Amino acid sequence: MPKIHYKSAEEVELIRASAQMVSKTLAEVAKVIGPGVTTLELNNLAETYIRDNGGIPAFLNFHGFPYSLCISLNDQVVHGFPSKHVLVEGDIVSVDCGVILNKYYGDSAFSFAIGEVDEITKTLLRVTRECLDKGIEKAVTGMRVGDIAYAVQEHAEKHKFGVVKELVGHGVGLELHEKPEVPNYGKRGSGIKLEEGMVIAIEPMINAGRAGIKFWDDGWTVSTIDGKPSAHFEHTVAIKKGKADILSTFSYIDDVLKEKNNN
């Protein structure tokens, strides 16, 4: 059974640098995302930004994945392919990004509303981001993976949303996907005990309708079984005593979106 890689304080800082580059890449995407833009344009912009800043796109060629971003539209949950598809008002788009910098990995995802979206979609985006926050609150020394999972599940289901169970968060840092797995559903007090030195990616994937998903023939794309929208938010987080250390950030994205909304 693969073991957990515990990171030193120095390694956590190297992962933070990678995660911050992911966050800044997503902010570059935020600057241009909108009606009339293709998802392939977003992918190419992100890849250029990562390489120009000394990073390597972590997703490109990972198990054969052919792009630098996973871009998942509307009822797509995760792992969508960028394409010549043009975004339109009312879409929601999950953009998932990974970076290798100085041999360490960072990973984060953000779901964007394209123009005005309906009330259910607005609520889905807000609640999924809150699910991430609630999971992170439990990512402290002495808690267990199940405590994170339960916090995510309870908040999503309170709003009558479906929690994707087949896909999970994960350890991250020396590799893109490490142990332990971090599900978005489970029992409090269950699973592996969280200890300092663990770095994990927490990533709620929440559906507006049923929890069920289907896998596409392309071997990657996952969508909701009922065709209703799905949202996805993710942070790279270091386990600490008392309060988790969030290594990625949405602050750059939030600043860009605030400025766009004010113009």
Protein backbone atom coordinates (compact mmCIF):
# COMPACT_ATOMS: atom_id res chain seq x y z
CA MET A 1 0.00 0.00 0.00
CA PRO A 2 1.49 3.40 -0.96
CA LYS A 3 2.53 5.40 2.07
CA ILE A 4 1.82 9.02 2.89
CA HIS A 5 4.63 11.46 2.08
CA TYR A 6 5.07 13.77 5.07
CA LYS A 7 6.57 17.12 4.08
CA SER A 8 9.14 19.21 5.92
CA ALA A 9 8.52 22.91 6.56
CA GLU A 10 10.85 23.68 3.62
CA GLU A 11 8.88 21.38 1.32
CA VAL A 12 5.60 22.97 2.36
CA GLU A 13 7.02 26.34 1.24
CA LEU A 14 8.02 24.87 -2.14
CA ILE A 15 4.50 23.47 -2.55
CA ARG A 16 3.11 26.87 -1.57
CA ALA A 17 5.12 28.50 -4.37
CA SER A 18 3.63 26.02 -6.86
CA ALA A 19 0.12 26.48 -5.49
CA GLN A 20 0.46 30.26 -5.68
CA MET A 21 1.45 29.98 -9.33
CA VAL A 22 -1.69 27.89 -9.90
CA SER A 23 -3.73 30.63 -8.20
CA LYS A 24 -2.16 33.34 -10.36
CA THR A 25 -2.76 31.25 -13.50
CA LEU A 26 -6.45 30.93 -12.60
CA ALA A 27 -6.54 34.71 -12.11
CA GLU A 28 -5.15 35.14 -15.64
CA VAL A 29 -8.00 32.92 -16.85
CA ALA A 30 -10.45 35.04 -14.83
CA LYS A 31 -9.30 38.18 -16.72
CA VAL A 32 -10.45 36.85 -20.09
CA ILE A 33 -13.16 34.28 -19.34
CA GLY A 34 -16.57 35.36 -20.60
CA PRO A 35 -19.08 35.06 -23.44
CA GLY A 36 -17.42 34.62 -26.85
CA VAL A 37 -14.21 33.03 -25.53
CA THR A 38 -13.34 29.42 -26.40
CA THR A 39 -12.16 27.04 -23.71
CA LEU A 40 -9.11 26.20 -25.85
CA GLU A 41 -8.08 29.87 -25.71
CA LEU A 42 -8.19 29.65 -21.91
CA ASN A 43 -6.04 26.52 -21.97
CA ASN A 44 -3.42 28.10 -24.24
CA LEU A 45 -3.30 31.29 -22.18
CA ALA A 46 -2.74 29.27 -18.98
CA GLU A 47 -0.02 27.11 -20.50
CA THR A 48 1.84 30.19 -21.79
CA TYR A 49 1.57 31.93 -18.40
CA ILE A 50 2.85 28.87 -16.50
CA ARG A 51 5.83 28.36 -18.82
CA ASP A 52 6.69 32.09 -18.93
CA ASN A 53 6.94 32.01 -15.13
CA GLY A 54 9.23 29.00 -14.93
CA GLY A 55 6.60 26.35 -14.24
CA ILE A 56 5.48 23.20 -16.01
CA PRO A 57 1.77 22.44 -16.60
CA ALA A 58 1.22 19.44 -14.30
CA PHE A 59 -1.83 18.09 -16.13
CA LEU A 60 -0.31 18.05 -19.64
CA ASN A 61 0.44 14.39 -20.53
CA PHE A 62 -0.48 13.21 -17.00
CA HIS A 63 -1.59 9.63 -17.78
CA GLY A 64 -2.02 10.89 -21.34
CA PHE A 65 -4.26 13.90 -20.59
CA PRO A 66 -3.73 16.13 -23.66
CA TYR A 67 -4.22 19.63 -22.18
CA SER A 68 -2.83 21.97 -19.50
CA LEU A 69 -6.21 22.72 -17.91
CA CYS A 70 -9.26 20.61 -17.16
CA ILE A 71 -12.22 22.77 -18.27
CA SER A 72 -15.64 21.36 -17.42
CA LEU A 73 -18.82 23.03 -18.66
CA ASN A 74 -22.26 23.02 -17.05
CA ASP A 75 -23.18 19.35 -16.44
CA GLN A 76 -19.53 18.26 -16.73
CA VAL A 77 -18.17 17.58 -13.24
CA VAL A 78 -14.41 17.40 -13.87
CA HIS A 79 -11.70 16.47 -16.41
CA GLY A 80 -13.37 18.19 -19.38
CA PHE A 81 -11.29 18.82 -22.51
CA PRO A 82 -10.65 22.39 -23.66
CA SER A 83 -12.04 22.84 -27.19
CA LYS A 84 -13.27 25.35 -29.75
CA HIS A 85 -16.55 25.49 -27.82
CA VAL A 86 -17.53 29.15 -27.36
CA LEU A 87 -18.74 30.17 -23.90
CA VAL A 88 -22.16 31.80 -23.68
CA GLU A 89 -24.07 33.74 -21.05
CA GLY A 90 -25.49 31.40 -18.43
CA ASP A 91 -22.71 28.78 -18.60
CA ILE A 92 -20.76 27.68 -15.56
CA VAL A 93 -17.18 26.55 -16.06
CA SER A 94 -14.94 24.62 -13.67
CA VAL A 95 -11.28 25.38 -14.40
CA ASP A 96 -8.82 23.00 -12.73
CA CYS A 97 -5.09 23.72 -12.88
CA GLY A 98 -1.90 22.07 -11.68
CA VAL A 99 1.68 23.34 -11.77
CA ILE A 100 5.09 21.80 -11.21
CA LEU A 101 7.59 24.36 -9.91
CA ASN A 102 11.01 23.30 -8.57
CA LYS A 103 9.77 19.68 -8.76
CA TYR A 104 6.82 20.30 -6.41
CA TYR A 105 3.15 20.23 -7.33
CA GLY A 106 0.32 22.67 -6.63
CA ASP A 107 -3.35 22.06 -7.51
CA SER A 108 -6.46 24.25 -7.37
CA ALA A 109 -9.80 24.70 -9.14
CA PHE A 110 -12.41 27.44 -9.40
CA SER A 111 -15.88 27.44 -10.95
CA PHE A 112 -16.82 30.57 -12.91
CA ALA A 113 -20.26 31.92 -13.78
CA ILE A 114 -20.38 33.25 -17.36
CA GLY A 115 -22.44 36.43 -17.24
CA GLU A 116 -25.78 36.05 -15.45
CA VAL A 117 -26.70 32.54 -14.31
CA ASP A 118 -29.97 31.28 -12.84
CA GLU A 119 -30.66 31.25 -9.10
CA ILE A 120 -30.09 27.51 -8.63
CA THR A 121 -26.68 27.78 -10.31
CA LYS A 122 -25.76 30.82 -8.19
CA THR A 123 -26.68 28.87 -5.06
CA LEU A 124 -24.74 25.81 -6.27
CA LEU A 125 -21.58 27.90 -6.79
CA ARG A 126 -21.90 29.56 -3.39
CA VAL A 127 -22.62 26.34 -1.50
CA THR A 128 -19.82 24.38 -3.20
CA ARG A 129 -17.30 27.06 -2.27
CA GLU A 130 -18.69 27.02 1.29
CA CYS A 131 -18.28 23.22 1.30
CA LEU A 132 -14.58 23.71 0.55
CA ASP A 133 -14.28 26.21 3.42
CA LYS A 134 -16.03 23.84 5.81
CA GLY A 135 -13.79 20.96 4.78
CA ILE A 136 -10.69 23.10 5.29
CA GLU A 137 -11.86 24.01 8.82
CA LYS A 138 -11.45 20.31 9.71
CA ALA A 139 -8.01 19.96 8.07
CA VAL A 140 -6.10 20.26 11.33
CA THR A 141 -3.87 17.99 13.41
CA GLY A 142 -5.81 15.35 15.33
CA MET A 143 -8.89 15.33 13.09
CA ARG A 144 -9.50 12.56 10.55
CA VAL A 145 -10.14 12.46 6.81
CA GLY A 146 -13.75 11.51 7.61
CA ASP A 147 -14.22 14.79 9.47
CA ILE A 148 -13.39 16.74 6.30
CA ALA A 149 -15.63 14.45 4.26
CA TYR A 150 -18.57 14.76 6.64
CA ALA A 151 -18.31 18.57 6.77
CA VAL A 152 -18.50 18.79 2.96
CA GLN A 153 -21.32 16.28 2.64
CA GLU A 154 -23.46 17.71 5.41
CA HIS A 155 -23.37 21.25 4.01
CA ALA A 156 -24.11 20.17 0.43
CA GLU A 157 -26.97 17.85 1.36
CA LYS A 158 -28.48 20.47 3.67
CA HIS A 159 -29.07 22.45 0.46
CA LYS A 160 -30.47 19.35 -1.32
CA PHE A 161 -27.46 19.05 -3.62
CA GLY A 162 -25.80 15.78 -4.69
CA VAL A 163 -22.26 14.92 -3.53
CA VAL A 164 -20.11 13.10 -6.10
CA LYS A 165 -18.76 9.95 -4.45
CA GLU A 166 -16.71 8.29 -7.21
CA LEU A 167 -14.10 11.10 -7.34
CA VAL A 168 -12.04 12.34 -4.39
CA GLY A 169 -9.43 14.80 -3.21
CA HIS A 170 -5.91 13.54 -2.57
CA GLY A 171 -2.49 14.10 -1.12
CA VAL A 172 -0.31 16.37 -3.25
CA GLY A 173 3.21 17.80 -3.38
CA LEU A 174 5.88 15.37 -4.53
CA GLU A 175 3.40 13.97 -7.04
CA LEU A 176 0.10 15.25 -8.40
CA HIS A 177 -1.88 12.47 -6.73
CA GLU A 178 -0.61 10.96 -3.49
CA LYS A 179 -2.12 9.21 -0.49
CA PRO A 180 -4.38 9.77 1.35
CA GLU A 181 -7.60 9.95 -0.63
CA VAL A 182 -9.90 12.73 0.65
CA PRO A 183 -13.55 11.92 -0.13
CA ASN A 184 -16.35 14.50 0.00
CA TYR A 185 -18.64 12.18 1.95
CA GLY A 186 -18.18 10.03 5.03
CA LYS A 187 -18.47 9.62 8.77
CA ARG A 188 -17.02 11.88 11.41
CA GLY A 189 -14.08 10.33 13.24
CA SER A 190 -13.36 7.82 10.46
CA GLY A 191 -10.38 7.39 8.16
CA ILE A 192 -6.72 8.32 8.44
CA LYS A 193 -5.68 10.67 11.25
CA LEU A 194 -4.46 14.07 10.05
CA GLU A 195 -0.93 15.00 11.09
CA GLU A 196 1.42 17.91 10.54
CA GLY A 197 3.46 17.38 7.38
CA MET A 198 0.50 16.13 5.36
CA VAL A 199 -0.46 18.25 2.34
CA ILE A 200 -3.80 17.50 0.70
CA ALA A 201 -6.02 18.79 -2.09
CA ILE A 202 -9.58 19.21 -0.84
CA GLU A 203 -12.00 19.45 -3.78
CA PRO A 204 -15.77 19.29 -3.35
CA MET A 205 -17.59 18.26 -6.55
CA ILE A 206 -21.25 19.08 -5.97
CA ASN A 207 -24.20 18.52 -8.33
CA ALA A 208 -27.35 20.64 -8.53
CA GLY A 209 -29.38 17.44 -8.89
CA ARG A 210 -28.59 13.80 -8.27
CA ALA A 211 -25.21 12.61 -7.02
CA GLY A 212 -24.78 10.13 -9.87
CA ILE A 213 -22.21 10.65 -12.63
CA LYS A 214 -21.28 9.09 -15.96
CA PHE A 215 -17.88 8.65 -17.58
CA TRP A 216 -17.43 9.66 -21.21
CA ASP A 217 -15.90 7.53 -23.95
CA ASP A 218 -12.93 9.96 -24.17
CA GLY A 219 -11.64 8.29 -20.99
CA TRP A 220 -11.58 11.56 -19.04
CA THR A 221 -14.71 13.71 -19.01
CA VAL A 222 -17.20 13.09 -16.20
CA SER A 223 -20.72 14.55 -16.24
CA THR A 224 -23.84 14.44 -14.10
CA ILE A 225 -26.24 11.58 -14.75
CA ASP A 226 -29.28 13.87 -14.91
CA GLY A 227 -27.77 16.67 -17.04
CA LYS A 228 -27.99 19.24 -14.24
CA PRO A 229 -25.00 21.52 -13.54
CA SER A 230 -22.08 20.67 -11.28
CA ALA A 231 -19.58 22.92 -9.46
CA HIS A 232 -16.02 22.25 -8.31
CA PHE A 233 -13.69 24.22 -6.05
CA GLU A 234 -10.27 23.03 -4.83
CA HIS A 235 -7.41 24.20 -2.61
CA THR A 236 -4.02 22.75 -1.73
CA VAL A 237 -3.87 22.67 2.07
CA ALA A 238 -1.15 21.85 4.63
CA ILE A 239 -2.33 20.22 7.86
CA LYS A 240 -1.40 22.30 10.91
CA LYS A 241 -2.30 22.50 14.57
CA GLY A 242 -5.34 24.65 15.27
CA LYS A 243 -5.87 26.00 11.75
CA ALA A 244 -5.14 24.66 8.28
CA ASP A 245 -2.54 26.43 6.14
CA ILE A 246 -4.16 27.09 2.74
CA LEU A 247 -1.32 27.11 0.22
CA SER A 248 -3.38 28.17 -2.81
CA THR A 249 -5.70 31.20 -2.78
CA PHE A 250 -8.77 32.54 -4.54
CA SER A 251 -7.91 36.15 -3.62
CA TYR A 252 -6.29 36.90 -7.01
CA ILE A 253 -9.37 35.56 -8.82
CA ASP A 254 -11.78 37.41 -6.53
CA ASP A 255 -9.90 40.69 -7.14
CA VAL A 256 -10.09 40.22 -10.92
CA LEU A 257 -13.79 39.35 -10.88
CA LYS A 258 -14.58 42.28 -8.58
CA GLU A 259 -12.79 44.68 -10.95
CA LYS A 260 -14.58 43.20 -13.99
CA ASN A 261 -17.95 43.57 -12.28
CA ASN A 262 -17.21 47.20 -11.43
CA ASN A 263 -16.40 48.10 -15.05
